ModelCIF file with pLDDT and N, C-alpha, C, O atoms, coordinates in Angstrom:
data_MODEL
#
_entry.id   MODEL 
#
_entity.id                         1 
_entity.type                       polymer 
_entity.pdbx_number_of_molecules   1 
#
_entity_poly.entity_id                      1 
_entity_poly.type                           'polypeptide(L)' 
_entity_poly.nstd_linkage                   no 
_entity_poly.nstd_monomer                   no 
_entity_poly.pdbx_seq_one_letter_code       LLLLGMIQISLGVMINHFQLNKFVLLWVLAIVLGSWLSFRYLEHKLRQ 
_entity_poly.pdbx_seq_one_letter_code_can   LLLLGMIQISLGVMINHFQLNKFVLLWVLAIVLGSWLSFRYLEHKLRQ 
_entity_poly.pdbx_strand_id                 A 
#
loop_
_entity_poly_seq.entity_id 
_entity_poly_seq.num 
_entity_poly_seq.mon_id 
_entity_poly_seq.hetero 
1 1  LEU n 
1 2  LEU n 
1 3  LEU n 
1 4  LEU n 
1 5  GLY n 
1 6  MET n 
1 7  ILE n 
1 8  GLN n 
1 9  ILE n 
1 10 SER n 
1 11 LEU n 
1 12 GLY n 
1 13 VAL n 
1 14 MET n 
1 15 ILE n 
1 16 ASN n 
1 17 HIS n 
1 18 PHE n 
1 19 GLN n 
1 20 LEU n 
1 21 ASN n 
1 22 LYS n 
1 23 PHE n 
1 24 VAL n 
1 25 LEU n 
1 26 LEU n 
1 27 TRP n 
1 28 VAL n 
1 29 LEU n 
1 30 ALA n 
1 31 ILE n 
1 32 VAL n 
1 33 LEU n 
1 34 GLY n 
1 35 SER n 
1 36 TRP n 
1 37 LEU n 
1 38 SER n 
1 39 PHE n 
1 40 ARG n 
1 41 TYR n 
1 42 LEU n 
1 43 GLU n 
1 44 HIS n 
1 45 LYS n 
1 46 LEU n 
1 47 ARG n 
1 48 GLN n 
#
_struct_asym.id          A 
_struct_asym.entity_id   1 
#
loop_
_ma_qa_metric.id 
_ma_qa_metric.mode 
_ma_qa_metric.name 
_ma_qa_metric.software_group_id 
_ma_qa_metric.type 
1 global pLDDT . pLDDT 
2 local  pLDDT . pLDDT 
#
_ma_qa_metric_global.metric_id      1 
_ma_qa_metric_global.metric_value   94.52 
_ma_qa_metric_global.model_id       1 
_ma_qa_metric_global.ordinal_id     1 
#
loop_
_ma_qa_metric_local.label_asym_id 
_ma_qa_metric_local.label_comp_id 
_ma_qa_metric_local.label_seq_id 
_ma_qa_metric_local.metric_id 
_ma_qa_metric_local.metric_value 
_ma_qa_metric_local.model_id 
_ma_qa_metric_local.ordinal_id 
A LEU 1  2 96.00 1 1  
A LEU 2  2 97.00 1 2  
A LEU 3  2 96.00 1 3  
A LEU 4  2 95.00 1 4  
A GLY 5  2 96.00 1 5  
A MET 6  2 97.00 1 6  
A ILE 7  2 95.00 1 7  
A GLN 8  2 95.00 1 8  
A ILE 9  2 96.00 1 9  
A SER 10 2 96.00 1 10 
A LEU 11 2 94.00 1 11 
A GLY 12 2 94.00 1 12 
A VAL 13 2 95.00 1 13 
A MET 14 2 95.00 1 14 
A ILE 15 2 94.00 1 15 
A ASN 16 2 94.00 1 16 
A HIS 17 2 94.00 1 17 
A PHE 18 2 95.00 1 18 
A GLN 19 2 94.00 1 19 
A LEU 20 2 93.00 1 20 
A ASN 21 2 92.00 1 21 
A LYS 22 2 93.00 1 22 
A PHE 23 2 94.00 1 23 
A VAL 24 2 92.00 1 24 
A LEU 25 2 94.00 1 25 
A LEU 26 2 94.00 1 26 
A TRP 27 2 92.00 1 27 
A VAL 28 2 93.00 1 28 
A LEU 29 2 94.00 1 29 
A ALA 30 2 91.00 1 30 
A ILE 31 2 93.00 1 31 
A VAL 32 2 95.00 1 32 
A LEU 33 2 95.00 1 33 
A GLY 34 2 92.00 1 34 
A SER 35 2 94.00 1 35 
A TRP 36 2 97.00 1 36 
A LEU 37 2 96.00 1 37 
A SER 38 2 94.00 1 38 
A PHE 39 2 95.00 1 39 
A ARG 40 2 96.00 1 40 
A TYR 41 2 94.00 1 41 
A LEU 42 2 96.00 1 42 
A GLU 43 2 95.00 1 43 
A HIS 44 2 95.00 1 44 
A LYS 45 2 96.00 1 45 
A LEU 46 2 95.00 1 46 
A ARG 47 2 94.00 1 47 
A GLN 48 2 95.00 1 48 
#
loop_
_atom_site.group_PDB 
_atom_site.id 
_atom_site.type_symbol 
_atom_site.label_atom_id 
_atom_site.label_alt_id 
_atom_site.label_comp_id 
_atom_site.label_asym_id 
_atom_site.label_entity_id 
_atom_site.label_seq_id 
_atom_site.pdbx_PDB_ins_code 
_atom_site.Cartn_x 
_atom_site.Cartn_y 
_atom_site.Cartn_z 
_atom_site.occupancy 
_atom_site.B_iso_or_equiv 
_atom_site.pdbx_formal_charge 
_atom_site.auth_seq_id 
_atom_site.auth_comp_id 
_atom_site.auth_asym_id 
_atom_site.auth_atom_id 
_atom_site.pdbx_PDB_model_num 
ATOM 1   N N  . LEU A 1 1  ? 0.827  -1.206  0.000   1.00 96.00 ? 1  LEU A N  1 
ATOM 2   C CA . LEU A 1 1  ? 0.000  0.000   0.000   1.00 96.00 ? 1  LEU A CA 1 
ATOM 3   C C  . LEU A 1 1  ? 0.860  1.254   0.000   1.00 96.00 ? 1  LEU A C  1 
ATOM 4   O O  . LEU A 1 1  ? 0.566  2.205   -0.724  1.00 96.00 ? 1  LEU A O  1 
ATOM 5   N N  . LEU A 1 2  ? 1.909  1.269   0.794   1.00 97.00 ? 2  LEU A N  1 
ATOM 6   C CA . LEU A 1 2  ? 2.793  2.439   0.828   1.00 97.00 ? 2  LEU A CA 1 
ATOM 7   C C  . LEU A 1 2  ? 3.476  2.655   -0.520  1.00 97.00 ? 2  LEU A C  1 
ATOM 8   O O  . LEU A 1 2  ? 3.532  3.780   -1.016  1.00 97.00 ? 2  LEU A O  1 
ATOM 9   N N  . LEU A 1 3  ? 3.992  1.588   -1.109  1.00 96.00 ? 3  LEU A N  1 
ATOM 10  C CA . LEU A 1 3  ? 4.683  1.703   -2.390  1.00 96.00 ? 3  LEU A CA 1 
ATOM 11  C C  . LEU A 1 3  ? 3.718  2.109   -3.506  1.00 96.00 ? 3  LEU A C  1 
ATOM 12  O O  . LEU A 1 3  ? 4.007  3.022   -4.279  1.00 96.00 ? 3  LEU A O  1 
ATOM 13  N N  . LEU A 1 4  ? 2.574  1.429   -3.588  1.00 95.00 ? 4  LEU A N  1 
ATOM 14  C CA . LEU A 1 4  ? 1.607  1.748   -4.632  1.00 95.00 ? 4  LEU A CA 1 
ATOM 15  C C  . LEU A 1 4  ? 1.048  3.160   -4.457  1.00 95.00 ? 4  LEU A C  1 
ATOM 16  O O  . LEU A 1 4  ? 0.795  3.853   -5.443  1.00 95.00 ? 4  LEU A O  1 
ATOM 17  N N  . GLY A 1 5  ? 0.857  3.584   -3.219  1.00 96.00 ? 5  GLY A N  1 
ATOM 18  C CA . GLY A 1 5  ? 0.385  4.947   -2.964  1.00 96.00 ? 5  GLY A CA 1 
ATOM 19  C C  . GLY A 1 5  ? 1.375  5.988   -3.442  1.00 96.00 ? 5  GLY A C  1 
ATOM 20  O O  . GLY A 1 5  ? 0.994  6.982   -4.060  1.00 96.00 ? 5  GLY A O  1 
ATOM 21  N N  . MET A 1 6  ? 2.662  5.758   -3.154  1.00 97.00 ? 6  MET A N  1 
ATOM 22  C CA . MET A 1 6  ? 3.678  6.720   -3.608  1.00 97.00 ? 6  MET A CA 1 
ATOM 23  C C  . MET A 1 6  ? 3.794  6.727   -5.130  1.00 97.00 ? 6  MET A C  1 
ATOM 24  O O  . MET A 1 6  ? 3.987  7.783   -5.732  1.00 97.00 ? 6  MET A O  1 
ATOM 25  N N  . ILE A 1 7  ? 3.677  5.554   -5.754  1.00 95.00 ? 7  ILE A N  1 
ATOM 26  C CA . ILE A 1 7  ? 3.733  5.486   -7.218  1.00 95.00 ? 7  ILE A CA 1 
ATOM 27  C C  . ILE A 1 7  ? 2.550  6.237   -7.826  1.00 95.00 ? 7  ILE A C  1 
ATOM 28  O O  . ILE A 1 7  ? 2.723  7.003   -8.774  1.00 95.00 ? 7  ILE A O  1 
ATOM 29  N N  . GLN A 1 8  ? 1.349  6.021   -7.284  1.00 95.00 ? 8  GLN A N  1 
ATOM 30  C CA . GLN A 1 8  ? 0.164  6.678   -7.829  1.00 95.00 ? 8  GLN A CA 1 
ATOM 31  C C  . GLN A 1 8  ? 0.223  8.194   -7.621  1.00 95.00 ? 8  GLN A C  1 
ATOM 32  O O  . GLN A 1 8  ? -0.168 8.951   -8.509  1.00 95.00 ? 8  GLN A O  1 
ATOM 33  N N  . ILE A 1 9  ? 0.705  8.641   -6.466  1.00 96.00 ? 9  ILE A N  1 
ATOM 34  C CA . ILE A 1 9  ? 0.845  10.085  -6.239  1.00 96.00 ? 9  ILE A CA 1 
ATOM 35  C C  . ILE A 1 9  ? 1.847  10.678  -7.215  1.00 96.00 ? 9  ILE A C  1 
ATOM 36  O O  . ILE A 1 9  ? 1.602  11.736  -7.794  1.00 96.00 ? 9  ILE A O  1 
ATOM 37  N N  . SER A 1 10 ? 2.968  10.003  -7.400  1.00 96.00 ? 10 SER A N  1 
ATOM 38  C CA . SER A 1 10 ? 3.976  10.493  -8.357  1.00 96.00 ? 10 SER A CA 1 
ATOM 39  C C  . SER A 1 10 ? 3.424  10.541  -9.767  1.00 96.00 ? 10 SER A C  1 
ATOM 40  O O  . SER A 1 10 ? 3.663  11.496  -10.506 1.00 96.00 ? 10 SER A O  1 
ATOM 41  N N  . LEU A 1 11 ? 2.676  9.495   -10.140 1.00 94.00 ? 11 LEU A N  1 
ATOM 42  C CA . LEU A 1 11 ? 2.056  9.479   -11.467 1.00 94.00 ? 11 LEU A CA 1 
ATOM 43  C C  . LEU A 1 11 ? 1.056  10.619  -11.610 1.00 94.00 ? 11 LEU A C  1 
ATOM 44  O O  . LEU A 1 11 ? 1.001  11.267  -12.656 1.00 94.00 ? 11 LEU A O  1 
ATOM 45  N N  . GLY A 1 12 ? 0.267  10.869  -10.571 1.00 94.00 ? 12 GLY A N  1 
ATOM 46  C CA . GLY A 1 12 ? -0.694 11.967  -10.606 1.00 94.00 ? 12 GLY A CA 1 
ATOM 47  C C  . GLY A 1 12 ? -0.021 13.322  -10.732 1.00 94.00 ? 12 GLY A C  1 
ATOM 48  O O  . GLY A 1 12 ? -0.503 14.189  -11.461 1.00 94.00 ? 12 GLY A O  1 
ATOM 49  N N  . VAL A 1 13 ? 1.084  13.514  -10.030 1.00 95.00 ? 13 VAL A N  1 
ATOM 50  C CA . VAL A 1 13 ? 1.819  14.782  -10.116 1.00 95.00 ? 13 VAL A CA 1 
ATOM 51  C C  . VAL A 1 13 ? 2.395  14.957  -11.516 1.00 95.00 ? 13 VAL A C  1 
ATOM 52  O O  . VAL A 1 13 ? 2.332  16.049  -12.080 1.00 95.00 ? 13 VAL A O  1 
ATOM 53  N N  . MET A 1 14 ? 2.954  13.888  -12.082 1.00 95.00 ? 14 MET A N  1 
ATOM 54  C CA . MET A 1 14 ? 3.506  13.978  -13.436 1.00 95.00 ? 14 MET A CA 1 
ATOM 55  C C  . MET A 1 14 ? 2.409  14.245  -14.469 1.00 95.00 ? 14 MET A C  1 
ATOM 56  O O  . MET A 1 14 ? 2.607  15.022  -15.403 1.00 95.00 ? 14 MET A O  1 
ATOM 57  N N  . ILE A 1 15 ? 1.259  13.600  -14.299 1.00 94.00 ? 15 ILE A N  1 
ATOM 58  C CA . ILE A 1 15 ? 0.144  13.815  -15.227 1.00 94.00 ? 15 ILE A CA 1 
ATOM 59  C C  . ILE A 1 15 ? -0.292 15.274  -15.189 1.00 94.00 ? 15 ILE A C  1 
ATOM 60  O O  . ILE A 1 15 ? -0.519 15.881  -16.236 1.00 94.00 ? 15 ILE A O  1 
ATOM 61  N N  . ASN A 1 16 ? -0.412 15.842  -13.989 1.00 94.00 ? 16 ASN A N  1 
ATOM 62  C CA . ASN A 1 16 ? -0.811 17.243  -13.880 1.00 94.00 ? 16 ASN A CA 1 
ATOM 63  C C  . ASN A 1 16 ? 0.268  18.177  -14.408 1.00 94.00 ? 16 ASN A C  1 
ATOM 64  O O  . ASN A 1 16 ? -0.040 19.184  -15.046 1.00 94.00 ? 16 ASN A O  1 
ATOM 65  N N  . HIS A 1 17 ? 1.527  17.853  -14.147 1.00 94.00 ? 17 HIS A N  1 
ATOM 66  C CA . HIS A 1 17 ? 2.618  18.707  -14.597 1.00 94.00 ? 17 HIS A CA 1 
ATOM 67  C C  . HIS A 1 17 ? 2.691  18.763  -16.126 1.00 94.00 ? 17 HIS A C  1 
ATOM 68  O O  . HIS A 1 17 ? 2.889  19.834  -16.699 1.00 94.00 ? 17 HIS A O  1 
ATOM 69  N N  . PHE A 1 18 ? 2.534  17.628  -16.776 1.00 95.00 ? 18 PHE A N  1 
ATOM 70  C CA . PHE A 1 18 ? 2.610  17.584  -18.233 1.00 95.00 ? 18 PHE A CA 1 
ATOM 71  C C  . PHE A 1 18 ? 1.255  17.782  -18.904 1.00 95.00 ? 18 PHE A C  1 
ATOM 72  O O  . PHE A 1 18 ? 1.138  17.622  -20.118 1.00 95.00 ? 18 PHE A O  1 
ATOM 73  N N  . GLN A 1 19 ? 0.235  18.128  -18.127 1.00 94.00 ? 19 GLN A N  1 
ATOM 74  C CA . GLN A 1 19 ? -1.119 18.437  -18.608 1.00 94.00 ? 19 GLN A CA 1 
ATOM 75  C C  . GLN A 1 19 ? -1.689 17.301  -19.463 1.00 94.00 ? 19 GLN A C  1 
ATOM 76  O O  . GLN A 1 19 ? -2.150 17.525  -20.582 1.00 94.00 ? 19 GLN A O  1 
ATOM 77  N N  . LEU A 1 20 ? -1.653 16.090  -18.925 1.00 93.00 ? 20 LEU A N  1 
ATOM 78  C CA . LEU A 1 20 ? -2.182 14.914  -19.613 1.00 93.00 ? 20 LEU A CA 1 
ATOM 79  C C  . LEU A 1 20 ? -3.500 14.451  -18.996 1.00 93.00 ? 20 LEU A C  1 
ATOM 80  O O  . LEU A 1 20 ? -3.839 13.270  -19.062 1.00 93.00 ? 20 LEU A O  1 
ATOM 81  N N  . ASN A 1 21 ? -4.236 15.378  -18.399 1.00 92.00 ? 21 ASN A N  1 
ATOM 82  C CA . ASN A 1 21 ? -5.490 15.040  -17.725 1.00 92.00 ? 21 ASN A CA 1 
ATOM 83  C C  . ASN A 1 21 ? -6.588 14.601  -18.690 1.00 92.00 ? 21 ASN A C  1 
ATOM 84  O O  . ASN A 1 21 ? -7.598 14.048  -18.254 1.00 92.00 ? 21 ASN A O  1 
ATOM 85  N N  . LYS A 1 22 ? -6.416 14.831  -19.970 1.00 93.00 ? 22 LYS A N  1 
ATOM 86  C CA . LYS A 1 22 ? -7.464 14.461  -20.927 1.00 93.00 ? 22 LYS A CA 1 
ATOM 87  C C  . LYS A 1 22 ? -7.549 12.950  -21.158 1.00 93.00 ? 22 LYS A C  1 
ATOM 88  O O  . LYS A 1 22 ? -8.522 12.476  -21.745 1.00 93.00 ? 22 LYS A O  1 
ATOM 89  N N  . PHE A 1 23 ? -6.558 12.195  -20.713 1.00 94.00 ? 23 PHE A N  1 
ATOM 90  C CA . PHE A 1 23 ? -6.569 10.740  -20.869 1.00 94.00 ? 23 PHE A CA 1 
ATOM 91  C C  . PHE A 1 23 ? -7.069 10.056  -19.597 1.00 94.00 ? 23 PHE A C  1 
ATOM 92  O O  . PHE A 1 23 ? -6.421 9.147   -19.078 1.00 94.00 ? 23 PHE A O  1 
ATOM 93  N N  . VAL A 1 24 ? -8.205 10.490  -19.109 1.00 92.00 ? 24 VAL A N  1 
ATOM 94  C CA . VAL A 1 24 ? -8.741 10.027  -17.830 1.00 92.00 ? 24 VAL A CA 1 
ATOM 95  C C  . VAL A 1 24 ? -8.967 8.514   -17.832 1.00 92.00 ? 24 VAL A C  1 
ATOM 96  O O  . VAL A 1 24 ? -8.635 7.844   -16.854 1.00 92.00 ? 24 VAL A O  1 
ATOM 97  N N  . LEU A 1 25 ? -9.517 7.973   -18.897 1.00 94.00 ? 25 LEU A N  1 
ATOM 98  C CA . LEU A 1 25 ? -9.791 6.538   -18.931 1.00 94.00 ? 25 LEU A CA 1 
ATOM 99  C C  . LEU A 1 25 ? -8.505 5.710   -18.829 1.00 94.00 ? 25 LEU A C  1 
ATOM 100 O O  . LEU A 1 25 ? -8.495 4.648   -18.206 1.00 94.00 ? 25 LEU A O  1 
ATOM 101 N N  . LEU A 1 26 ? -7.452 6.188   -19.426 1.00 94.00 ? 26 LEU A N  1 
ATOM 102 C CA . LEU A 1 26 ? -6.165 5.503   -19.329 1.00 94.00 ? 26 LEU A CA 1 
ATOM 103 C C  . LEU A 1 26 ? -5.650 5.518   -17.892 1.00 94.00 ? 26 LEU A C  1 
ATOM 104 O O  . LEU A 1 26 ? -5.106 4.520   -17.420 1.00 94.00 ? 26 LEU A O  1 
ATOM 105 N N  . TRP A 1 27 ? -5.816 6.637   -17.196 1.00 92.00 ? 27 TRP A N  1 
ATOM 106 C CA . TRP A 1 27 ? -5.321 6.735   -15.817 1.00 92.00 ? 27 TRP A CA 1 
ATOM 107 C C  . TRP A 1 27 ? -6.178 5.893   -14.866 1.00 92.00 ? 27 TRP A C  1 
ATOM 108 O O  . TRP A 1 27 ? -5.657 5.295   -13.924 1.00 92.00 ? 27 TRP A O  1 
ATOM 109 N N  . VAL A 1 28 ? -7.480 5.848   -15.110 1.00 93.00 ? 28 VAL A N  1 
ATOM 110 C CA . VAL A 1 28 ? -8.346 4.989   -14.298 1.00 93.00 ? 28 VAL A CA 1 
ATOM 111 C C  . VAL A 1 28 ? -7.978 3.524   -14.529 1.00 93.00 ? 28 VAL A C  1 
ATOM 112 O O  . VAL A 1 28 ? -7.946 2.733   -13.587 1.00 93.00 ? 28 VAL A O  1 
ATOM 113 N N  . LEU A 1 29 ? -7.703 3.170   -15.774 1.00 94.00 ? 29 LEU A N  1 
ATOM 114 C CA . LEU A 1 29 ? -7.265 1.815   -16.078 1.00 94.00 ? 29 LEU A CA 1 
ATOM 115 C C  . LEU A 1 29 ? -5.944 1.496   -15.374 1.00 94.00 ? 29 LEU A C  1 
ATOM 116 O O  . LEU A 1 29 ? -5.750 0.375   -14.903 1.00 94.00 ? 29 LEU A O  1 
ATOM 117 N N  . ALA A 1 30 ? -5.045 2.462   -15.299 1.00 91.00 ? 30 ALA A N  1 
ATOM 118 C CA . ALA A 1 30 ? -3.772 2.264   -14.603 1.00 91.00 ? 30 ALA A CA 1 
ATOM 119 C C  . ALA A 1 30 ? -4.009 2.030   -13.110 1.00 91.00 ? 30 ALA A C  1 
ATOM 120 O O  . ALA A 1 30 ? -3.316 1.217   -12.498 1.00 91.00 ? 30 ALA A O  1 
ATOM 121 N N  . ILE A 1 31 ? -4.963 2.722   -12.526 1.00 93.00 ? 31 ILE A N  1 
ATOM 122 C CA . ILE A 1 31 ? -5.296 2.533   -11.112 1.00 93.00 ? 31 ILE A CA 1 
ATOM 123 C C  . ILE A 1 31 ? -5.838 1.131   -10.878 1.00 93.00 ? 31 ILE A C  1 
ATOM 124 O O  . ILE A 1 31 ? -5.395 0.429   -9.968  1.00 93.00 ? 31 ILE A O  1 
ATOM 125 N N  . VAL A 1 32 ? -6.798 0.725   -11.704 1.00 95.00 ? 32 VAL A N  1 
ATOM 126 C CA . VAL A 1 32 ? -7.412 -0.593  -11.548 1.00 95.00 ? 32 VAL A CA 1 
ATOM 127 C C  . VAL A 1 32 ? -6.380 -1.688  -11.770 1.00 95.00 ? 32 VAL A C  1 
ATOM 128 O O  . VAL A 1 32 ? -6.319 -2.644  -10.996 1.00 95.00 ? 32 VAL A O  1 
ATOM 129 N N  . LEU A 1 33 ? -5.582 -1.565  -12.800 1.00 95.00 ? 33 LEU A N  1 
ATOM 130 C CA . LEU A 1 33 ? -4.563 -2.564  -13.093 1.00 95.00 ? 33 LEU A CA 1 
ATOM 131 C C  . LEU A 1 33 ? -3.514 -2.644  -11.985 1.00 95.00 ? 33 LEU A C  1 
ATOM 132 O O  . LEU A 1 33 ? -3.109 -3.737  -11.591 1.00 95.00 ? 33 LEU A O  1 
ATOM 133 N N  . GLY A 1 34 ? -3.079 -1.507  -11.488 1.00 92.00 ? 34 GLY A N  1 
ATOM 134 C CA . GLY A 1 34 ? -2.108 -1.495  -10.397 1.00 92.00 ? 34 GLY A CA 1 
ATOM 135 C C  . GLY A 1 34 ? -2.657 -2.129  -9.132  1.00 92.00 ? 34 GLY A C  1 
ATOM 136 O O  . GLY A 1 34 ? -1.944 -2.860  -8.445  1.00 92.00 ? 34 GLY A O  1 
ATOM 137 N N  . SER A 1 35 ? -3.913 -1.856  -8.818  1.00 94.00 ? 35 SER A N  1 
ATOM 138 C CA . SER A 1 35 ? -4.531 -2.457  -7.631  1.00 94.00 ? 35 SER A CA 1 
ATOM 139 C C  . SER A 1 35 ? -4.681 -3.957  -7.797  1.00 94.00 ? 35 SER A C  1 
ATOM 140 O O  . SER A 1 35 ? -4.384 -4.714  -6.874  1.00 94.00 ? 35 SER A O  1 
ATOM 141 N N  . TRP A 1 36 ? -5.132 -4.391  -8.950  1.00 97.00 ? 36 TRP A N  1 
ATOM 142 C CA . TRP A 1 36 ? -5.320 -5.816  -9.196  1.00 97.00 ? 36 TRP A CA 1 
ATOM 143 C C  . TRP A 1 36 ? -3.984 -6.566  -9.157  1.00 97.00 ? 36 TRP A C  1 
ATOM 144 O O  . TRP A 1 36 ? -3.887 -7.645  -8.572  1.00 97.00 ? 36 TRP A O  1 
ATOM 145 N N  . LEU A 1 37 ? -2.961 -5.984  -9.782  1.00 96.00 ? 37 LEU A N  1 
ATOM 146 C CA . LEU A 1 37 ? -1.652 -6.634  -9.778  1.00 96.00 ? 37 LEU A CA 1 
ATOM 147 C C  . LEU A 1 37 ? -1.058 -6.703  -8.378  1.00 96.00 ? 37 LEU A C  1 
ATOM 148 O O  . LEU A 1 37 ? -0.395 -7.682  -8.035  1.00 96.00 ? 37 LEU A O  1 
ATOM 149 N N  . SER A 1 38 ? -1.288 -5.680  -7.571  1.00 94.00 ? 38 SER A N  1 
ATOM 150 C CA . SER A 1 38 ? -0.761 -5.720  -6.209  1.00 94.00 ? 38 SER A CA 1 
ATOM 151 C C  . SER A 1 38 ? -1.469 -6.795  -5.388  1.00 94.00 ? 38 SER A C  1 
ATOM 152 O O  . SER A 1 38 ? -0.828 -7.472  -4.585  1.00 94.00 ? 38 SER A O  1 
ATOM 153 N N  . PHE A 1 39 ? -2.778 -6.965  -5.574  1.00 95.00 ? 39 PHE A N  1 
ATOM 154 C CA . PHE A 1 39 ? -3.506 -8.024  -4.876  1.00 95.00 ? 39 PHE A CA 1 
ATOM 155 C C  . PHE A 1 39 ? -3.003 -9.398  -5.317  1.00 95.00 ? 39 PHE A C  1 
ATOM 156 O O  . PHE A 1 39 ? -2.788 -10.275 -4.480  1.00 95.00 ? 39 PHE A O  1 
ATOM 157 N N  . ARG A 1 40 ? -2.817 -9.589  -6.610  1.00 96.00 ? 40 ARG A N  1 
ATOM 158 C CA . ARG A 1 40 ? -2.306 -10.867 -7.115  1.00 96.00 ? 40 ARG A CA 1 
ATOM 159 C C  . ARG A 1 40 ? -0.900 -11.145 -6.577  1.00 96.00 ? 40 ARG A C  1 
ATOM 160 O O  . ARG A 1 40 ? -0.579 -12.285 -6.241  1.00 96.00 ? 40 ARG A O  1 
ATOM 161 N N  . TYR A 1 41 ? -0.075 -10.121 -6.497  1.00 94.00 ? 41 TYR A N  1 
ATOM 162 C CA . TYR A 1 41 ? 1.274  -10.280 -5.965  1.00 94.00 ? 41 TYR A CA 1 
ATOM 163 C C  . TYR A 1 41 ? 1.229  -10.716 -4.499  1.00 94.00 ? 41 TYR A C  1 
ATOM 164 O O  . TYR A 1 41 ? 1.945  -11.633 -4.097  1.00 94.00 ? 41 TYR A O  1 
ATOM 165 N N  . LEU A 1 42 ? 0.390  -10.059 -3.709  1.00 96.00 ? 42 LEU A N  1 
ATOM 166 C CA . LEU A 1 42 ? 0.274  -10.418 -2.293  1.00 96.00 ? 42 LEU A CA 1 
ATOM 167 C C  . LEU A 1 42 ? -0.201 -11.851 -2.112  1.00 96.00 ? 42 LEU A C  1 
ATOM 168 O O  . LEU A 1 42 ? 0.356  -12.594 -1.304  1.00 96.00 ? 42 LEU A O  1 
ATOM 169 N N  . GLU A 1 43 ? -1.216 -12.239 -2.851  1.00 95.00 ? 43 GLU A N  1 
ATOM 170 C CA . GLU A 1 43 ? -1.751 -13.590 -2.713  1.00 95.00 ? 43 GLU A CA 1 
ATOM 171 C C  . GLU A 1 43 ? -0.727 -14.635 -3.183  1.00 95.00 ? 43 GLU A C  1 
ATOM 172 O O  . GLU A 1 43 ? -0.610 -15.699 -2.576  1.00 95.00 ? 43 GLU A O  1 
ATOM 173 N N  . HIS A 1 44 ? 0.005  -14.339 -4.249  1.00 95.00 ? 44 HIS A N  1 
ATOM 174 C CA . HIS A 1 44 ? 1.021  -15.269 -4.734  1.00 95.00 ? 44 HIS A CA 1 
ATOM 175 C C  . HIS A 1 44 ? 2.137  -15.424 -3.701  1.00 95.00 ? 44 HIS A C  1 
ATOM 176 O O  . HIS A 1 44 ? 2.587  -16.536 -3.424  1.00 95.00 ? 44 HIS A O  1 
ATOM 177 N N  . LYS A 1 45 ? 2.572  -14.316 -3.143  1.00 96.00 ? 45 LYS A N  1 
ATOM 178 C CA . LYS A 1 45 ? 3.635  -14.354 -2.145  1.00 96.00 ? 45 LYS A CA 1 
ATOM 179 C C  . LYS A 1 45 ? 3.181  -15.115 -0.898  1.00 96.00 ? 45 LYS A C  1 
ATOM 180 O O  . LYS A 1 45 ? 3.945  -15.895 -0.331  1.00 96.00 ? 45 LYS A O  1 
ATOM 181 N N  . LEU A 1 46 ? 1.954  -14.890 -0.481  1.00 95.00 ? 46 LEU A N  1 
ATOM 182 C CA . LEU A 1 46 ? 1.421  -15.588 0.689   1.00 95.00 ? 46 LEU A CA 1 
ATOM 183 C C  . LEU A 1 46 ? 1.244  -17.074 0.408   1.00 95.00 ? 46 LEU A C  1 
ATOM 184 O O  . LEU A 1 46 ? 1.505  -17.908 1.274   1.00 95.00 ? 46 LEU A O  1 
ATOM 185 N N  . ARG A 1 47 ? 0.804  -17.402 -0.790  1.00 94.00 ? 47 ARG A N  1 
ATOM 186 C CA . ARG A 1 47 ? 0.648  -18.806 -1.160  1.00 94.00 ? 47 ARG A CA 1 
ATOM 187 C C  . ARG A 1 47 ? 2.001  -19.518 -1.171  1.00 94.00 ? 47 ARG A C  1 
ATOM 188 O O  . ARG A 1 47 ? 2.106  -20.650 -0.701  1.00 94.00 ? 47 ARG A O  1 
ATOM 189 N N  . GLN A 1 48 ? 3.018  -18.876 -1.693  1.00 95.00 ? 48 GLN A N  1 
ATOM 190 C CA . GLN A 1 48 ? 4.359  -19.466 -1.702  1.00 95.00 ? 48 GLN A CA 1 
ATOM 191 C C  . GLN A 1 48 ? 4.866  -19.689 -0.283  1.00 95.00 ? 48 GLN A C  1 
ATOM 192 O O  . GLN A 1 48 ? 5.979  -20.179 -0.095  1.00 95.00 ? 48 GLN A O  1 
#
């Protein structure tokens, strides 16, 4: 959560800095994909 939170905040700052806010669907997809991958990573690590 700490790592993904810092990555998402950094991505949000870069998006605002470079004025790429018009690609909202892409950024929402990045949020969903990042959350899903982090859950899969946790479950895989716990299963191992």
